[in-house]
PDB file of all heavy atoms in Angstrom:
ATOM      1  N   ALA A   1     131.688  77.854  66.010  1.00  0.00           N
ATOM      2  CA  ALA A   1     132.859  77.779  66.898  1.00  0.00           C
ATOM      3  C   ALA A   1     134.014  77.083  66.182  1.00  0.00           C
ATOM      4  O   ALA A   1     135.164  77.544  66.245  1.00  0.00           O
ATOM      5  CB  ALA A   1     132.512  77.051  68.188  1.00  0.00           C
ATOM      6  N   GLY A   2     133.715  75.993  65.501  1.00  0.00           N
ATOM      7  CA  GLY A   2     134.764  75.273  64.780  1.00  0.00           C
ATOM      8  C   GLY A   2     135.434  76.127  63.727  1.00  0.00           C
ATOM      9  O   GLY A   2     136.668  76.160  63.626  1.00  0.00           O
ATOM     10  N   PHE A   3     134.640  76.844  62.944  1.00  0.00           N
ATOM     11  CA  PHE A   3     135.221  77.712  61.921  1.00  0.00           C
ATOM     12  C   PHE A   3     136.013  78.858  62.539  1.00  0.00           C
ATOM     13  O   PHE A   3     137.078  79.227  62.043  1.00  0.00           O
ATOM     14  CB  PHE A   3     134.146  78.253  60.980  1.00  0.00           C
ATOM     15  CG  PHE A   3     133.676  77.246  59.968  1.00  0.00           C
ATOM     16  CD1 PHE A   3     132.329  76.966  59.841  1.00  0.00           C
ATOM     17  CD2 PHE A   3     134.579  76.579  59.148  1.00  0.00           C
ATOM     18  CE1 PHE A   3     131.891  76.032  58.906  1.00  0.00           C
ATOM     19  CE2 PHE A   3     134.152  75.644  58.210  1.00  0.00           C
ATOM     20  CZ  PHE A   3     132.801  75.364  58.094  1.00  0.00           C
ATOM     21  N   ALA A   4     135.506  79.440  63.626  1.00  0.00           N
ATOM     22  CA  ALA A   4     136.224  80.536  64.290  1.00  0.00           C
ATOM     23  C   ALA A   4     137.565  80.051  64.842  1.00  0.00           C
ATOM     24  O   ALA A   4     138.579  80.748  64.726  1.00  0.00           O
ATOM     25  CB  ALA A   4     135.364  81.132  65.406  1.00  0.00           C
ATOM     26  N   LEU A   5     137.572  78.864  65.427  1.00  0.00           N
ATOM     27  CA  LEU A   5     138.824  78.296  65.938  1.00  0.00           C
ATOM     28  C   LEU A   5     139.799  78.031  64.786  1.00  0.00           C
ATOM     29  O   LEU A   5     140.986  78.354  64.876  1.00  0.00           O
ATOM     30  CB  LEU A   5     138.546  76.999  66.698  1.00  0.00           C
ATOM     31  CG  LEU A   5     137.810  77.154  68.026  1.00  0.00           C
ATOM     32  CD1 LEU A   5     137.274  75.809  68.499  1.00  0.00           C
ATOM     33  CD2 LEU A   5     138.706  77.789  69.072  1.00  0.00           C
ATOM     34  N   PHE A   6     139.300  77.460  63.714  1.00  0.00           N
ATOM     35  CA  PHE A   6     140.134  77.185  62.546  1.00  0.00           C
ATOM     36  C   PHE A   6     140.719  78.477  61.983  1.00  0.00           C
ATOM     37  O   PHE A   6     141.924  78.566  61.715  1.00  0.00           O
ATOM     38  CB  PHE A   6     139.307  76.458  61.480  1.00  0.00           C
ATOM     39  CG  PHE A   6     140.083  76.128  60.249  1.00  0.00           C
ATOM     40  CD1 PHE A   6     140.870  74.986  60.196  1.00  0.00           C
ATOM     41  CD2 PHE A   6     140.036  76.961  59.138  1.00  0.00           C
ATOM     42  CE1 PHE A   6     141.602  74.684  59.049  1.00  0.00           C
ATOM     43  CE2 PHE A   6     140.756  76.667  57.996  1.00  0.00           C
ATOM     44  CZ  PHE A   6     141.548  75.527  57.947  1.00  0.00           C
ATOM     45  N   ASP A   7     139.851  79.493  61.816  1.00  0.00           N
ATOM     46  CA  ASP A   7     140.307  80.780  61.294  1.00  0.00           C
ATOM     47  C   ASP A   7     141.328  81.444  62.204  1.00  0.00           C
ATOM     48  O   ASP A   7     142.174  82.211  61.740  1.00  0.00           O
ATOM     49  CB  ASP A   7     139.132  81.722  61.061  1.00  0.00           C
ATOM     50  CG  ASP A   7     138.271  81.319  59.869  1.00  0.00           C
ATOM     51  OD1 ASP A   7     138.684  80.419  59.097  1.00  0.00           O
ATOM     52  OD2 ASP A   7     137.184  81.896  59.713  1.00  0.00           O
ATOM     53  N   ALA A   8     141.261  81.140  63.507  1.00  0.00           N
ATOM     54  CA  ALA A   8     142.209  81.699  64.472  1.00  0.00           C
ATOM     55  C   ALA A   8     143.501  80.887  64.537  1.00  0.00           C
ATOM     56  O   ALA A   8     144.362  81.151  65.379  1.00  0.00           O
ATOM     57  CB  ALA A   8     141.557  81.776  65.853  1.00  0.00           C
ATOM     58  N   GLY A   9     143.616  79.880  63.675  1.00  0.00           N
ATOM     59  CA  GLY A   9     144.854  79.100  63.608  1.00  0.00           C
ATOM     60  C   GLY A   9     144.902  77.914  64.551  1.00  0.00           C
ATOM     61  O   GLY A   9     145.962  77.319  64.745  1.00  0.00           O
ATOM     62  N   MET A  10     143.775  77.544  65.125  1.00  0.00           N
ATOM     63  CA  MET A  10     143.736  76.409  66.050  1.00  0.00           C
ATOM     64  C   MET A  10     143.198  75.171  65.353  1.00  0.00           C
ATOM     65  O   MET A  10     142.669  75.244  64.247  1.00  0.00           O
ATOM     66  CB  MET A  10     142.891  76.769  67.274  1.00  0.00           C
ATOM     67  CG  MET A  10     143.583  77.798  68.161  1.00  0.00           C
ATOM     68  SD  MET A  10     142.569  78.281  69.551  1.00  0.00           S
ATOM     69  CE  MET A  10     142.204  79.971  69.081  1.00  0.00           C
ATOM     70  N   GLN A  11     143.346  74.046  66.010  1.00  0.00           N
ATOM     71  CA  GLN A  11     142.912  72.757  65.466  1.00  0.00           C
ATOM     72  C   GLN A  11     141.658  72.290  66.205  1.00  0.00           C
ATOM     73  O   GLN A  11     141.744  71.629  67.234  1.00  0.00           O
ATOM     74  CB  GLN A  11     144.039  71.731  65.664  1.00  0.00           C
ATOM     75  CG  GLN A  11     143.704  70.339  65.200  1.00  0.00           C
ATOM     76  CD  GLN A  11     143.666  70.236  63.695  1.00  0.00           C
ATOM     77  OE1 GLN A  11     144.501  70.776  63.002  1.00  0.00           O
ATOM     78  NE2 GLN A  11     142.678  69.530  63.194  1.00  0.00           N
ATOM     79  N   PRO A  12     140.458  72.634  65.704  1.00  0.00           N
ATOM     80  CA  PRO A  12     139.228  72.170  66.369  1.00  0.00           C
ATOM     81  C   PRO A  12     138.915  70.723  65.986  1.00  0.00           C
ATOM     82  O   PRO A  12     139.167  70.297  64.857  1.00  0.00           O
ATOM     83  CB  PRO A  12     138.158  73.109  65.825  1.00  0.00           C
ATOM     84  CG  PRO A  12     138.654  73.508  64.480  1.00  0.00           C
ATOM     85  CD  PRO A  12     140.166  73.520  64.581  1.00  0.00           C
ATOM     86  N   THR A  13     138.386  69.985  66.952  1.00  0.00           N
ATOM     87  CA  THR A  13     137.942  68.617  66.731  1.00  0.00           C
ATOM     88  C   THR A  13     136.570  68.458  67.364  1.00  0.00           C
ATOM     89  O   THR A  13     136.428  68.570  68.583  1.00  0.00           O
ATOM     90  CB  THR A  13     138.934  67.600  67.342  1.00  0.00           C
ATOM     91  OG1 THR A  13     140.210  67.810  66.750  1.00  0.00           O
ATOM     92  CG2 THR A  13     138.474  66.177  67.097  1.00  0.00           C
ATOM     93  N   LEU A  14     135.554  68.225  66.548  1.00  0.00           N
ATOM     94  CA  LEU A  14     134.198  68.057  67.043  1.00  0.00           C
ATOM     95  C   LEU A  14     134.037  66.672  67.660  1.00  0.00           C
ATOM     96  O   LEU A  14     134.345  65.663  67.026  1.00  0.00           O
ATOM     97  CB  LEU A  14     133.195  68.227  65.904  1.00  0.00           C
ATOM     98  CG  LEU A  14     131.723  68.122  66.273  1.00  0.00           C
ATOM     99  CD1 LEU A  14     131.313  69.288  67.156  1.00  0.00           C
ATOM    100  CD2 LEU A  14     130.883  68.087  65.011  1.00  0.00           C
ATOM    101  N   LEU A  15     133.572  66.643  68.893  1.00  0.00           N
ATOM    102  CA  LEU A  15     133.286  65.379  69.572  1.00  0.00           C
ATOM    103  C   LEU A  15     131.831  65.006  69.275  1.00  0.00           C
ATOM    104  O   LEU A  15     130.917  65.350  70.013  1.00  0.00           O
ATOM    105  CB  LEU A  15     133.510  65.518  71.081  1.00  0.00           C
ATOM    106  CG  LEU A  15     134.920  65.917  71.509  1.00  0.00           C
ATOM    107  CD1 LEU A  15     134.995  66.116  73.008  1.00  0.00           C
ATOM    108  CD2 LEU A  15     135.930  64.857  71.051  1.00  0.00           C
ATOM    109  N   ALA A  16     131.617  64.300  68.179  1.00  0.00           N
ATOM    110  CA  ALA A  16     130.263  64.008  67.702  1.00  0.00           C
ATOM    111  C   ALA A  16     129.413  63.291  68.743  1.00  0.00           C
ATOM    112  O   ALA A  16     128.200  63.486  68.795  1.00  0.00           O
ATOM    113  CB  ALA A  16     130.334  63.191  66.418  1.00  0.00           C
ATOM    114  N   SER A  17     130.031  62.493  69.592  1.00  0.00           N
ATOM    115  CA  SER A  17     129.268  61.766  70.610  1.00  0.00           C
ATOM    116  C   SER A  17     128.809  62.666  71.753  1.00  0.00           C
ATOM    117  O   SER A  17     128.014  62.240  72.589  1.00  0.00           O
ATOM    118  CB  SER A  17     130.095  60.609  71.172  1.00  0.00           C
ATOM    119  OG  SER A  17     131.248  61.106  71.822  1.00  0.00           O
ATOM    120  N   LEU A  18     129.278  63.912  71.779  1.00  0.00           N
ATOM    121  CA  LEU A  18     128.882  64.866  72.816  1.00  0.00           C
ATOM    122  C   LEU A  18     128.307  66.135  72.204  1.00  0.00           C
ATOM    123  O   LEU A  18     128.623  67.250  72.610  1.00  0.00           O
ATOM    124  CB  LEU A  18     130.068  65.210  73.732  1.00  0.00           C
ATOM    125  CG  LEU A  18     130.514  64.116  74.681  1.00  0.00           C
ATOM    126  CD1 LEU A  18     131.765  64.548  75.452  1.00  0.00           C
ATOM    127  CD2 LEU A  18     129.404  63.729  75.646  1.00  0.00           C
ATOM    128  N   THR A  19     127.467  65.959  71.180  1.00  0.00           N
ATOM    129  CA  THR A  19     126.801  67.099  70.561  1.00  0.00           C
ATOM    130  C   THR A  19     125.313  66.807  70.426  1.00  0.00           C
ATOM    131  O   THR A  19     124.882  65.653  70.454  1.00  0.00           O
ATOM    132  CB  THR A  19     127.369  67.423  69.163  1.00  0.00           C
ATOM    133  OG1 THR A  19     127.042  66.368  68.274  1.00  0.00           O
ATOM    134  CG2 THR A  19     128.859  67.646  69.210  1.00  0.00           C
ATOM    135  N   ARG A  20     124.568  67.869  70.269  1.00  0.00           N
ATOM    136  CA  ARG A  20     123.120  67.760  70.073  1.00  0.00           C
ATOM    137  C   ARG A  20     122.696  68.894  69.156  1.00  0.00           C
ATOM    138  O   ARG A  20     123.213  69.998  69.256  1.00  0.00           O
ATOM    139  CB  ARG A  20     122.413  67.892  71.427  1.00  0.00           C
ATOM    140  CG  ARG A  20     120.907  67.799  71.380  1.00  0.00           C
ATOM    141  CD  ARG A  20     120.494  66.329  71.450  1.00  0.00           C
ATOM    142  NE  ARG A  20     119.085  66.136  71.369  1.00  0.00           N
ATOM    143  CZ  ARG A  20     118.311  65.782  72.381  1.00  0.00           C
ATOM    144  NH1 ARG A  20     118.798  65.638  73.584  1.00  0.00           N
ATOM    145  NH2 ARG A  20     117.036  65.577  72.190  1.00  0.00           N
ATOM    146  N   GLY A  21     121.748  68.628  68.284  1.00  0.00           N
ATOM    147  CA  GLY A  21     121.239  69.649  67.380  1.00  0.00           C
ATOM    148  C   GLY A  21     120.435  70.699  68.115  1.00  0.00           C
ATOM    149  O   GLY A  21     120.357  70.716  69.344  1.00  0.00           O
ATOM    150  N   SER A  22     119.819  71.553  67.376  1.00  0.00           N
ATOM    151  CA  SER A  22     119.072  72.673  67.931  1.00  0.00           C
ATOM    152  C   SER A  22     117.926  72.215  68.816  1.00  0.00           C
ATOM    153  O   SER A  22     117.129  71.359  68.435  1.00  0.00           O
ATOM    154  CB  SER A  22     118.507  73.534  66.799  1.00  0.00           C
ATOM    155  OG  SER A  22     117.684  74.536  67.319  1.00  0.00           O
ATOM    156  N   SER A  23     117.824  72.810  69.982  1.00  0.00           N
ATOM    157  CA  SER A  23     116.751  72.471  70.913  1.00  0.00           C
ATOM    158  C   SER A  23     115.439  73.121  70.523  1.00  0.00           C
ATOM    159  O   SER A  23     114.382  72.680  70.959  1.00  0.00           O
ATOM    160  CB  SER A  23     117.132  72.910  72.332  1.00  0.00           C
ATOM    161  OG  SER A  23     117.322  74.304  72.368  1.00  0.00           O
ATOM    162  N   ILE A  24     115.486  74.171  69.685  1.00  0.00           N
ATOM    163  CA  ILE A  24     114.236  74.832  69.309  1.00  0.00           C
ATOM    164  C   ILE A  24     113.683  74.309  67.989  1.00  0.00           C
ATOM    165  O   ILE A  24     112.553  74.578  67.648  1.00  0.00           O
ATOM    166  CB  ILE A  24     114.392  76.358  69.239  1.00  0.00           C
ATOM    167  CG1 ILE A  24     115.428  76.764  68.197  1.00  0.00           C
ATOM    168  CG2 ILE A  24     114.714  76.925  70.595  1.00  0.00           C
ATOM    169  CD1 ILE A  24     115.422  78.237  67.876  1.00  0.00           C
ATOM    170  N   ASP A  25     114.490  73.549  67.258  1.00  0.00           N
ATOM    171  CA  ASP A  25     114.022  73.007  65.994  1.00  0.00           C
ATOM    172  C   ASP A  25     114.667  71.649  65.768  1.00  0.00           C
ATOM    173  O   ASP A  25     115.646  71.533  65.050  1.00  0.00           O
ATOM    174  CB  ASP A  25     114.349  73.961  64.847  1.00  0.00           C
ATOM    175  CG  ASP A  25     113.877  73.414  63.504  1.00  0.00           C
ATOM    176  OD1 ASP A  25     112.949  72.582  63.493  1.00  0.00           O
ATOM    177  OD2 ASP A  25     114.435  73.833  62.489  1.00  0.00           O
TER     178      ASP A  25
END
């Protein structure tokens, strides 16, 4: 999502405190 937003000319900012890794691995 971050790369797609960047490629679309937008400024993505990942909120690290509101993320979680893969639930299946």
